[in-house]
Amino acid sequence: MKNIPVVMALGLALFLTGSAPMADTGSRRVGGADALITMVDRDPRVARDRFIDALASAERRQVMCVALNSYFEARGSTAADRLGTAMVVRNRAQRTGQDFCTIVFAPAQFSWTAMPRQSLIPRDGAMWLRCLREAYAVVTDRDMHDITGGATHFYNPRVVRPAWARMASSSQMIGAHRYLVIDHWGRGR
């Protein structure tokens, strides 16, 4: 019952501003792409991909952000679902003109970015390598077929039923997630 005021405050912030308050950027919370990528790079337990490590730093940074998002949003699902989460990031980047890392680490967009940094180290090496390679394909191949049909959002219907999902003009299930196209999202940003 102690958490009710916090939940109410978060709900009020969402209602008034359209987004949740930014995550604490102190040492325990994700402070953005660069802080997390540096932490992942320095952790000797994280699986390495020489090809990804050899990329130019700007391109590698974008691949890492998309891979982290796919890993933490869909690592327990299908390859198509992981690809779908990456495509949502790409679709948002194309709509807004922002880079992939800005999209992934925008406030209140992907729930895992509000978790403590220490819990954001990819521990499943084989899955992390898959996410890296899938993210590389999405970031570098602009002509890659979009299996989501232009989706800008996704959610797991077994976990949550967000009110914003009603604004979708189309949706489809891929793996554990429902992918939605919200036509007005990102326009005019």
C-alpha atoms as a PDB file:
ATOM      1  CA  MET A   1       0.000   0.000   0.000  1.00  0.00           C
ATOM      2  CA  LYS A   2       2.999   2.328   0.448  1.00  0.00           C
ATOM      3  CA  ASN A   3       3.515   2.395  -3.345  1.00  0.00           C
ATOM      4  CA  ILE A   4       0.051   3.736  -4.153  1.00  0.00           C
ATOM      5  CA  PRO A   5       1.131   7.432  -4.006  1.00  0.00           C
ATOM      6  CA  VAL A   6       4.096   6.655  -6.299  1.00  0.00           C
ATOM      7  CA  VAL A   7       1.856   4.838  -8.770  1.00  0.00           C
ATOM      8  CA  MET A   8      -0.670   7.676  -8.632  1.00  0.00           C
ATOM      9  CA  ALA A   9       2.103  10.243  -9.203  1.00  0.00           C
ATOM     10  CA  LEU A  10       3.393   8.303 -12.207  1.00  0.00           C
ATOM     11  CA  GLY A  11      -0.130   8.037 -13.572  1.00  0.00           C
ATOM     12  CA  LEU A  12      -0.665  11.776 -13.108  1.00  0.00           C
ATOM     13  CA  ALA A  13       2.648  12.528 -14.843  1.00  0.00           C
ATOM     14  CA  LEU A  14       1.636  10.295 -17.762  1.00  0.00           C
ATOM     15  CA  PHE A  15      -1.765  11.996 -17.970  1.00  0.00           C
ATOM     16  CA  LEU A  16      -0.414  15.554 -17.814  1.00  0.00           C
ATOM     17  CA  THR A  17       2.695  15.215 -19.992  1.00  0.00           C
ATOM     18  CA  GLY A  18       2.015  12.183 -22.157  1.00  0.00           C
ATOM     19  CA  SER A  19       5.159  10.481 -20.827  1.00  0.00           C
ATOM     20  CA  ALA A  20       6.526   9.200 -17.562  1.00  0.00           C
ATOM     21  CA  PRO A  21       9.176  11.135 -15.656  1.00  0.00           C
ATOM     22  CA  MET A  22      12.739  10.461 -16.806  1.00  0.00           C
ATOM     23  CA  ALA A  23      14.553   7.622 -15.085  1.00  0.00           C
ATOM     24  CA  ASP A  24      17.044   8.498 -12.386  1.00  0.00           C
ATOM     25  CA  THR A  25      20.343   8.974 -14.194  1.00  0.00           C
ATOM     26  CA  GLY A  26      22.440   8.297 -11.126  1.00  0.00           C
ATOM     27  CA  SER A  27      24.946   5.476 -10.956  1.00  0.00           C
ATOM     28  CA  ARG A  28      22.310   2.775 -10.391  1.00  0.00           C
ATOM     29  CA  ARG A  29      19.960   3.616 -13.276  1.00  0.00           C
ATOM     30  CA  VAL A  30      20.465   3.765 -17.002  1.00  0.00           C
ATOM     31  CA  GLY A  31      21.848   7.180 -17.861  1.00  0.00           C
ATOM     32  CA  GLY A  32      21.662   6.744 -21.619  1.00  0.00           C
ATOM     33  CA  ALA A  33      23.174   4.775 -24.413  1.00  0.00           C
ATOM     34  CA  ASP A  34      26.830   5.607 -23.884  1.00  0.00           C
ATOM     35  CA  ALA A  35      26.881   4.747 -20.181  1.00  0.00           C
ATOM     36  CA  LEU A  36      25.249   1.368 -20.737  1.00  0.00           C
ATOM     37  CA  ILE A  37      27.310   0.492 -23.826  1.00  0.00           C
ATOM     38  CA  THR A  38      30.508   1.295 -21.921  1.00  0.00           C
ATOM     39  CA  MET A  39      29.394  -0.905 -19.033  1.00  0.00           C
ATOM     40  CA  VAL A  40      28.511  -3.796 -21.388  1.00  0.00           C
ATOM     41  CA  ASP A  41      31.838  -3.402 -23.213  1.00  0.00           C
ATOM     42  CA  ARG A  42      33.828  -3.539 -19.982  1.00  0.00           C
ATOM     43  CA  ASP A  43      32.073  -6.599 -18.554  1.00  0.00           C
ATOM     44  CA  PRO A  44      34.232  -9.653 -19.333  1.00  0.00           C
ATOM     45  CA  ARG A  45      31.206 -11.976 -19.030  1.00  0.00           C
ATOM     46  CA  VAL A  46      29.472 -10.484 -22.091  1.00  0.00           C
ATOM     47  CA  ALA A  47      29.834 -12.484 -25.300  1.00  0.00           C
ATOM     48  CA  ARG A  48      31.826 -10.744 -28.051  1.00  0.00           C
ATOM     49  CA  ASP A  49      31.302 -10.594 -31.795  1.00  0.00           C
ATOM     50  CA  ARG A  50      34.510  -9.564 -33.582  1.00  0.00           C
ATOM     51  CA  PHE A  51      32.621  -8.320 -36.614  1.00  0.00           C
ATOM     52  CA  ILE A  52      30.411  -6.004 -34.525  1.00  0.00           C
ATOM     53  CA  ASP A  53      33.389  -4.898 -32.406  1.00  0.00           C
ATOM     54  CA  ALA A  54      35.250  -3.910 -35.601  1.00  0.00           C
ATOM     55  CA  LEU A  55      32.507  -1.544 -36.838  1.00  0.00           C
ATOM     56  CA  ALA A  56      33.090   2.199 -36.873  1.00  0.00           C
ATOM     57  CA  SER A  57      32.146   3.594 -33.463  1.00  0.00           C
ATOM     58  CA  ALA A  58      29.040   5.538 -34.586  1.00  0.00           C
ATOM     59  CA  GLU A  59      27.589   2.556 -36.440  1.00  0.00           C
ATOM     60  CA  ARG A  60      28.517   0.160 -33.631  1.00  0.00           C
ATOM     61  CA  ARG A  61      26.760   2.408 -31.111  1.00  0.00           C
ATOM     62  CA  GLN A  62      23.511   2.237 -33.128  1.00  0.00           C
ATOM     63  CA  VAL A  63      23.773  -1.560 -33.453  1.00  0.00           C
ATOM     64  CA  MET A  64      24.399  -1.905 -29.708  1.00  0.00           C
ATOM     65  CA  CYS A  65      21.324   0.185 -28.825  1.00  0.00           C
ATOM     66  CA  VAL A  66      19.032  -1.842 -31.091  1.00  0.00           C
ATOM     67  CA  ALA A  67      20.553  -5.131 -29.873  1.00  0.00           C
ATOM     68  CA  LEU A  68      20.090  -4.169 -26.222  1.00  0.00           C
ATOM     69  CA  ASN A  69      16.462  -3.293 -26.899  1.00  0.00           C
ATOM     70  CA  SER A  70      15.793  -6.580 -28.706  1.00  0.00           C
ATOM     71  CA  TYR A  71      17.597  -8.548 -26.003  1.00  0.00           C
ATOM     72  CA  PHE A  72      15.706  -7.036 -23.094  1.00  0.00           C
ATOM     73  CA  GLU A  73      12.319  -6.828 -24.821  1.00  0.00           C
ATOM     74  CA  ALA A  74      12.181 -10.176 -26.653  1.00  0.00           C
ATOM     75  CA  ARG A  75      15.093 -12.479 -25.805  1.00  0.00           C
ATOM     76  CA  GLY A  76      12.732 -15.249 -24.686  1.00  0.00           C
ATOM     77  CA  SER A  77      10.624 -15.096 -27.840  1.00  0.00           C
ATOM     78  CA  THR A  78      11.063 -15.972 -31.496  1.00  0.00           C
ATOM     79  CA  ALA A  79      13.615 -14.617 -33.965  1.00  0.00           C
ATOM     80  CA  ALA A  80      10.731 -12.895 -35.768  1.00  0.00           C
ATOM     81  CA  ASP A  81       9.684 -11.205 -32.520  1.00  0.00           C
ATOM     82  CA  ARG A  82      13.228  -9.965 -31.848  1.00  0.00           C
ATOM     83  CA  LEU A  83      13.385  -8.682 -35.417  1.00  0.00           C
ATOM     84  CA  GLY A  84      10.020  -6.980 -34.878  1.00  0.00           C
ATOM     85  CA  THR A  85      11.280  -5.075 -31.840  1.00  0.00           C
ATOM     86  CA  ALA A  86      14.262  -3.887 -33.880  1.00  0.00           C
ATOM     87  CA  MET A  87      11.973  -2.848 -36.742  1.00  0.00           C
ATOM     88  CA  VAL A  88       9.855  -0.729 -34.388  1.00  0.00           C
ATOM     89  CA  VAL A  89      12.995   1.194 -33.421  1.00  0.00           C
ATOM     90  CA  ARG A  90      13.898   1.626 -37.102  1.00  0.00           C
ATOM     91  CA  ASN A  91      10.364   2.754 -37.992  1.00  0.00           C
ATOM     92  CA  ARG A  92      10.413   5.330 -35.219  1.00  0.00           C
ATOM     93  CA  ALA A  93      13.849   6.568 -36.295  1.00  0.00           C
ATOM     94  CA  GLN A  94      12.650   6.951 -39.878  1.00  0.00           C
ATOM     95  CA  ARG A  95       9.537   8.852 -38.808  1.00  0.00           C
ATOM     96  CA  THR A  96      11.343  11.258 -36.500  1.00  0.00           C
ATOM     97  CA  GLY A  97      14.765  11.591 -38.134  1.00  0.00           C
ATOM     98  CA  GLN A  98      16.400  10.644 -34.825  1.00  0.00           C
ATOM     99  CA  ASP A  99      19.097   8.015 -34.450  1.00  0.00           C
ATOM    100  CA  PHE A 100      18.387   4.552 -33.074  1.00  0.00           C
ATOM    101  CA  CYS A 101      19.932   5.226 -29.650  1.00  0.00           C
ATOM    102  CA  THR A 102      17.854   8.364 -29.148  1.00  0.00           C
ATOM    103  CA  ILE A 103      14.726   6.335 -29.903  1.00  0.00           C
ATOM    104  CA  VAL A 104      15.663   3.466 -27.557  1.00  0.00           C
ATOM    105  CA  PHE A 105      16.614   5.719 -24.647  1.00  0.00           C
ATOM    106  CA  ALA A 106      13.799   8.262 -24.993  1.00  0.00           C
ATOM    107  CA  PRO A 107      12.004   8.613 -21.636  1.00  0.00           C
ATOM    108  CA  ALA A 108       9.264   6.055 -20.917  1.00  0.00           C
ATOM    109  CA  GLN A 109       9.444   4.269 -24.281  1.00  0.00           C
ATOM    110  CA  PHE A 110      10.929   0.883 -23.382  1.00  0.00           C
ATOM    111  CA  SER A 111      10.454  -0.431 -19.855  1.00  0.00           C
ATOM    112  CA  TRP A 112      13.861  -2.077 -19.491  1.00  0.00           C
ATOM    113  CA  THR A 113      15.638   1.298 -19.730  1.00  0.00           C
ATOM    114  CA  ALA A 114      14.293   2.186 -16.272  1.00  0.00           C
ATOM    115  CA  MET A 115      15.920  -0.870 -14.666  1.00  0.00           C
ATOM    116  CA  PRO A 116      19.084  -0.632 -12.545  1.00  0.00           C
ATOM    117  CA  ARG A 117      22.193  -0.728 -14.747  1.00  0.00           C
ATOM    118  CA  GLN A 118      23.650  -3.720 -12.940  1.00  0.00           C
ATOM    119  CA  SER A 119      20.766  -5.874 -14.179  1.00  0.00           C
ATOM    120  CA  LEU A 120      21.298  -4.790 -17.800  1.00  0.00           C
ATOM    121  CA  ILE A 121      24.273  -6.948 -18.668  1.00  0.00           C
ATOM    122  CA  PRO A 122      23.374  -9.540 -21.346  1.00  0.00           C
ATOM    123  CA  ARG A 123      24.035 -12.868 -19.595  1.00  0.00           C
ATOM    124  CA  ASP A 124      22.835 -15.271 -22.309  1.00  0.00           C
ATOM    125  CA  GLY A 125      25.831 -15.171 -24.654  1.00  0.00           C
ATOM    126  CA  ALA A 126      24.269 -17.035 -27.572  1.00  0.00           C
ATOM    127  CA  MET A 127      21.124 -14.890 -27.460  1.00  0.00           C
ATOM    128  CA  TRP A 128      23.166 -11.690 -27.169  1.00  0.00           C
ATOM    129  CA  LEU A 129      25.135 -12.630 -30.297  1.00  0.00           C
ATOM    130  CA  ARG A 130      21.876 -13.306 -32.176  1.00  0.00           C
ATOM    131  CA  CYS A 131      20.513  -9.914 -31.101  1.00  0.00           C
ATOM    132  CA  LEU A 132      23.719  -8.193 -32.227  1.00  0.00           C
ATOM    133  CA  ARG A 133      23.588  -9.790 -35.671  1.00  0.00           C
ATOM    134  CA  GLU A 134      19.876  -9.102 -36.112  1.00  0.00           C
ATOM    135  CA  ALA A 135      20.369  -5.490 -35.008  1.00  0.00           C
ATOM    136  CA  TYR A 136      23.241  -5.102 -37.477  1.00  0.00           C
ATOM    137  CA  ALA A 137      20.966  -6.219 -40.319  1.00  0.00           C
ATOM    138  CA  VAL A 138      18.206  -3.773 -39.310  1.00  0.00           C
ATOM    139  CA  VAL A 139      20.575  -0.819 -38.825  1.00  0.00           C
ATOM    140  CA  THR A 140      22.586  -1.294 -42.009  1.00  0.00           C
ATOM    141  CA  ASP A 141      20.079  -2.702 -44.542  1.00  0.00           C
ATOM    142  CA  ARG A 142      17.602   0.109 -45.193  1.00  0.00           C
ATOM    143  CA  ASP A 143      15.824  -2.062 -47.787  1.00  0.00           C
ATOM    144  CA  MET A 144      15.220  -4.938 -45.367  1.00  0.00           C
ATOM    145  CA  HIS A 145      11.586  -6.098 -45.439  1.00  0.00           C
ATOM    146  CA  ASP A 146       9.630  -4.772 -42.462  1.00  0.00           C
ATOM    147  CA  ILE A 147       7.767  -7.761 -41.038  1.00  0.00           C
ATOM    148  CA  THR A 148       5.759  -5.451 -38.753  1.00  0.00           C
ATOM    149  CA  GLY A 149       4.117  -3.524 -41.573  1.00  0.00           C
ATOM    150  CA  GLY A 150       5.426  -0.184 -40.305  1.00  0.00           C
ATOM    151  CA  ALA A 151       4.686  -0.722 -36.603  1.00  0.00           C
ATOM    152  CA  THR A 152       5.683   2.075 -34.250  1.00  0.00           C
ATOM    153  CA  HIS A 153       4.717   0.299 -31.033  1.00  0.00           C
ATOM    154  CA  PHE A 154       4.514  -3.151 -29.491  1.00  0.00           C
ATOM    155  CA  TYR A 155       3.437  -4.682 -26.221  1.00  0.00           C
ATOM    156  CA  ASN A 156       3.011  -8.098 -24.652  1.00  0.00           C
ATOM    157  CA  PRO A 157      -0.749  -8.666 -24.221  1.00  0.00           C
ATOM    158  CA  ARG A 158      -0.129 -11.301 -21.530  1.00  0.00           C
ATOM    159  CA  VAL A 159       1.542  -8.634 -19.393  1.00  0.00           C
ATOM    160  CA  VAL A 160      -0.173  -5.313 -20.152  1.00  0.00           C
ATOM    161  CA  ARG A 161      -3.054  -3.764 -22.099  1.00  0.00           C
ATOM    162  CA  PRO A 162      -2.017  -0.147 -22.702  1.00  0.00           C
ATOM    163  CA  ALA A 163      -4.658   2.481 -23.404  1.00  0.00           C
ATOM    164  CA  TRP A 164      -2.615   3.864 -26.318  1.00  0.00           C
ATOM    165  CA  ALA A 165      -3.102   0.570 -28.186  1.00  0.00           C
ATOM    166  CA  ARG A 166      -6.642   1.688 -29.072  1.00  0.00           C
ATOM    167  CA  MET A 167      -5.158   4.406 -31.312  1.00  0.00           C
ATOM    168  CA  ALA A 168      -3.648   1.818 -33.684  1.00  0.00           C
ATOM    169  CA  SER A 169      -4.795   1.742 -37.289  1.00  0.00           C
ATOM    170  CA  SER A 170      -3.537  -1.849 -37.647  1.00  0.00           C
ATOM    171  CA  SER A 171      -1.955  -4.541 -35.530  1.00  0.00           C
ATOM    172  CA  GLN A 172      -0.588  -8.059 -35.720  1.00  0.00           C
ATOM    173  CA  MET A 173       0.862 -10.667 -33.392  1.00  0.00           C
ATOM    174  CA  ILE A 174       4.463 -11.748 -33.871  1.00  0.00           C
ATOM    175  CA  GLY A 175       5.775 -14.074 -31.203  1.00  0.00           C
ATOM    176  CA  ALA A 176       4.759 -12.819 -27.764  1.00  0.00           C
ATOM    177  CA  HIS A 177       4.105  -9.224 -28.844  1.00  0.00           C
ATOM    178  CA  ARG A 178       1.338  -7.318 -30.568  1.00  0.00           C
ATOM    179  CA  TYR A 179       2.777  -4.856 -33.104  1.00  0.00           C
ATOM    180  CA  LEU A 180       0.805  -1.707 -33.854  1.00  0.00           C
ATOM    181  CA  VAL A 181       0.858   1.119 -36.350  1.00  0.00           C
ATOM    182  CA  ILE A 182      -0.130   4.403 -34.732  1.00  0.00           C
ATOM    183  CA  ASP A 183      -0.395   6.735 -37.711  1.00  0.00           C
ATOM    184  CA  HIS A 184       0.115  10.073 -35.987  1.00  0.00           C
ATOM    185  CA  TRP A 185       3.034   8.940 -33.796  1.00  0.00           C
ATOM    186  CA  GLY A 186       6.264  10.802 -34.526  1.00  0.00           C
ATOM    187  CA  ARG A 187       4.776  13.189 -37.047  1.00  0.00           C
ATOM    188  CA  GLY A 188       5.793  16.788 -36.557  1.00  0.00           C
ATOM    189  CA  ARG A 189       8.550  16.014 -34.067  1.00  0.00           C
END
